[in-house]
Structure formats: C-alpha cells, structure tokens
C-alpha cells in the first residue's frame, strides 16, 4: 500500500465495520516521534530559497524524505520550517523500517 520509505509504511492496517455491514480499511494514526530521542545526522541552516525537498535531497539523497526533518524539528506544517532564513534545522538519522 505504501512505499517502504514512507512515514506510513510501518503503521498497522485496521478495519471498521459500518452498521450497514460495509468494511472500511484504513491505516492507524501516526503520532510524531520524540525529536529529542532521535540521533542527529546533521544540522542545516535555512537559506533564501530553501525548501524541505531540496534540503533532504542534499542531506539524505531523497527529496521525499522531508517528513524526517519535520519529525526531528517537531513540525506539523512542513512549510513553516523554511520561512525563517537562518533557522537551524535538525536532520535525523534515518531509522531502519520494521
């Protein structure tokens, strides 16, 4: 259902049966991990024109891994991380998928 590098890949699949008997299949909710418990790979200072996909392409080699920067910086809204020039962002060490 999800690519192995997706933040949703390891989430449990659940079902809900409606009163009309129809079964709804869904992924369980994902909670943000504790950023202070993560291993920091690098710190990056935001510069003019930076975007999370560009930052993760440079640091992790994968632009679609922007969610790792969000997790490491306790961010719910990715765009907020690059609005302040000079902000230092933590880049977490990729964790093995289980």
Protein backbone atom coordinates (compact mmCIF):
# COMPACT_ATOMS: atom_id res chain seq x y z
CA UNK A 1 0.00 0.00 0.00
CA UNK A 2 2.81 2.44 0.90
CA UNK A 3 6.42 2.61 -0.29
CA UNK A 4 8.90 1.24 2.29
CA UNK A 5 10.42 4.73 2.78
CA UNK A 6 7.02 6.27 3.54
CA UNK A 7 6.27 7.51 7.05
CA UNK A 8 3.09 5.41 6.90
CA UNK A 9 4.70 2.11 5.83
CA UNK A 10 5.04 0.60 9.31
CA UNK A 11 1.63 1.68 10.57
CA UNK A 12 -0.84 -1.07 11.35
CA UNK A 13 -3.76 -1.64 8.98
CA UNK A 14 -7.11 -1.67 10.77
CA UNK A 15 -10.73 -2.22 9.79
CA UNK A 16 -14.02 -0.72 10.84
CA UNK A 17 -17.36 -2.37 10.06
CA UNK A 18 -20.19 0.10 9.49
CA UNK A 19 -23.74 -0.57 10.64
CA UNK A 20 -24.67 -1.45 7.04
CA UNK A 21 -22.00 -4.17 7.04
CA UNK A 22 -19.57 -2.30 4.80
CA UNK A 23 -15.95 -2.73 5.92
CA UNK A 24 -13.64 0.28 5.89
CA UNK A 25 -9.90 -0.48 5.75
CA UNK A 26 -7.51 2.21 6.99
CA UNK A 27 -4.06 2.84 8.42
CA UNK A 28 -3.87 3.67 12.11
CA UNK A 29 -2.95 7.20 13.09
CA UNK A 30 0.70 8.22 13.08
CA UNK A 31 1.96 10.19 16.08
CA UNK A 32 5.04 12.37 15.89
CA UNK A 33 8.05 10.69 17.49
CA UNK A 34 10.02 12.40 20.26
CA UNK A 35 12.54 14.59 18.44
CA UNK A 36 14.94 14.75 21.36
CA UNK A 37 15.30 10.95 21.28
CA UNK A 38 16.45 10.93 17.64
CA UNK A 39 20.04 10.65 16.50
CA UNK A 40 21.05 13.83 14.66
CA UNK A 41 22.79 13.26 11.34
CA UNK A 42 23.34 16.93 10.54
CA UNK A 43 22.17 20.46 11.20
CA UNK A 44 21.31 22.70 8.27
CA UNK A 45 20.86 26.47 8.28
CA UNK A 46 17.93 27.63 6.14
CA UNK A 47 18.96 30.00 3.34
CA UNK A 48 16.94 32.06 0.85
CA UNK A 49 15.00 29.79 -1.50
CA UNK A 50 15.42 26.63 0.58
CA UNK A 51 12.63 24.05 0.57
CA UNK A 52 12.45 20.86 2.59
CA UNK A 53 12.63 18.69 -0.52
CA UNK A 54 15.85 20.44 -1.57
CA UNK A 55 17.32 20.11 1.92
CA UNK A 56 16.51 16.39 2.16
CA UNK A 57 17.80 15.77 -1.36
CA UNK A 58 21.15 17.30 -0.29
CA UNK A 59 21.38 15.66 3.13
CA UNK A 60 19.56 12.35 2.77
CA UNK A 61 19.67 11.87 -1.00
CA UNK A 62 15.87 11.61 -1.17
CA UNK A 63 13.60 14.66 -1.50
CA UNK A 64 10.51 12.68 -0.48
CA UNK A 65 12.03 12.18 2.99
CA UNK A 66 11.13 15.75 4.04
CA UNK A 67 8.95 14.25 6.78
CA UNK A 68 12.09 13.17 8.63
CA UNK A 69 13.07 16.83 9.01
CA UNK A 70 9.56 17.61 10.25
CA UNK A 71 9.81 14.83 12.83
CA UNK A 72 13.26 15.94 14.01
CA UNK A 73 12.03 19.51 14.46
CA UNK A 74 8.59 18.78 15.97
CA UNK A 75 6.83 20.34 12.98
CA UNK A 76 3.27 19.64 11.90
CA UNK A 77 3.43 22.07 8.96
CA UNK A 78 6.46 21.45 6.68
CA UNK A 79 6.45 24.87 5.02
CA UNK A 80 6.86 26.59 8.40
CA UNK A 81 10.37 25.14 8.74
CA UNK A 82 11.84 27.17 5.88
CA UNK A 83 10.10 30.53 6.35
CA UNK A 84 12.77 31.91 8.69
CA UNK A 85 16.14 32.48 6.99
CA UNK A 86 18.94 31.45 9.38
CA UNK A 87 16.87 28.87 11.25
CA UNK A 88 18.88 25.76 12.08
CA UNK A 89 17.12 22.50 11.23
CA UNK A 90 18.00 19.13 12.71
CA UNK A 91 18.27 16.29 10.20
CA UNK A 92 17.64 12.94 11.84
CA UNK A 93 19.49 9.76 11.09
CA UNK A 94 17.21 7.50 9.00
CA UNK A 95 15.88 4.64 11.09
CA UNK A 96 15.53 1.08 9.88
CA UNK A 97 11.96 0.15 8.94
CA UNK A 98 10.46 -2.73 10.89
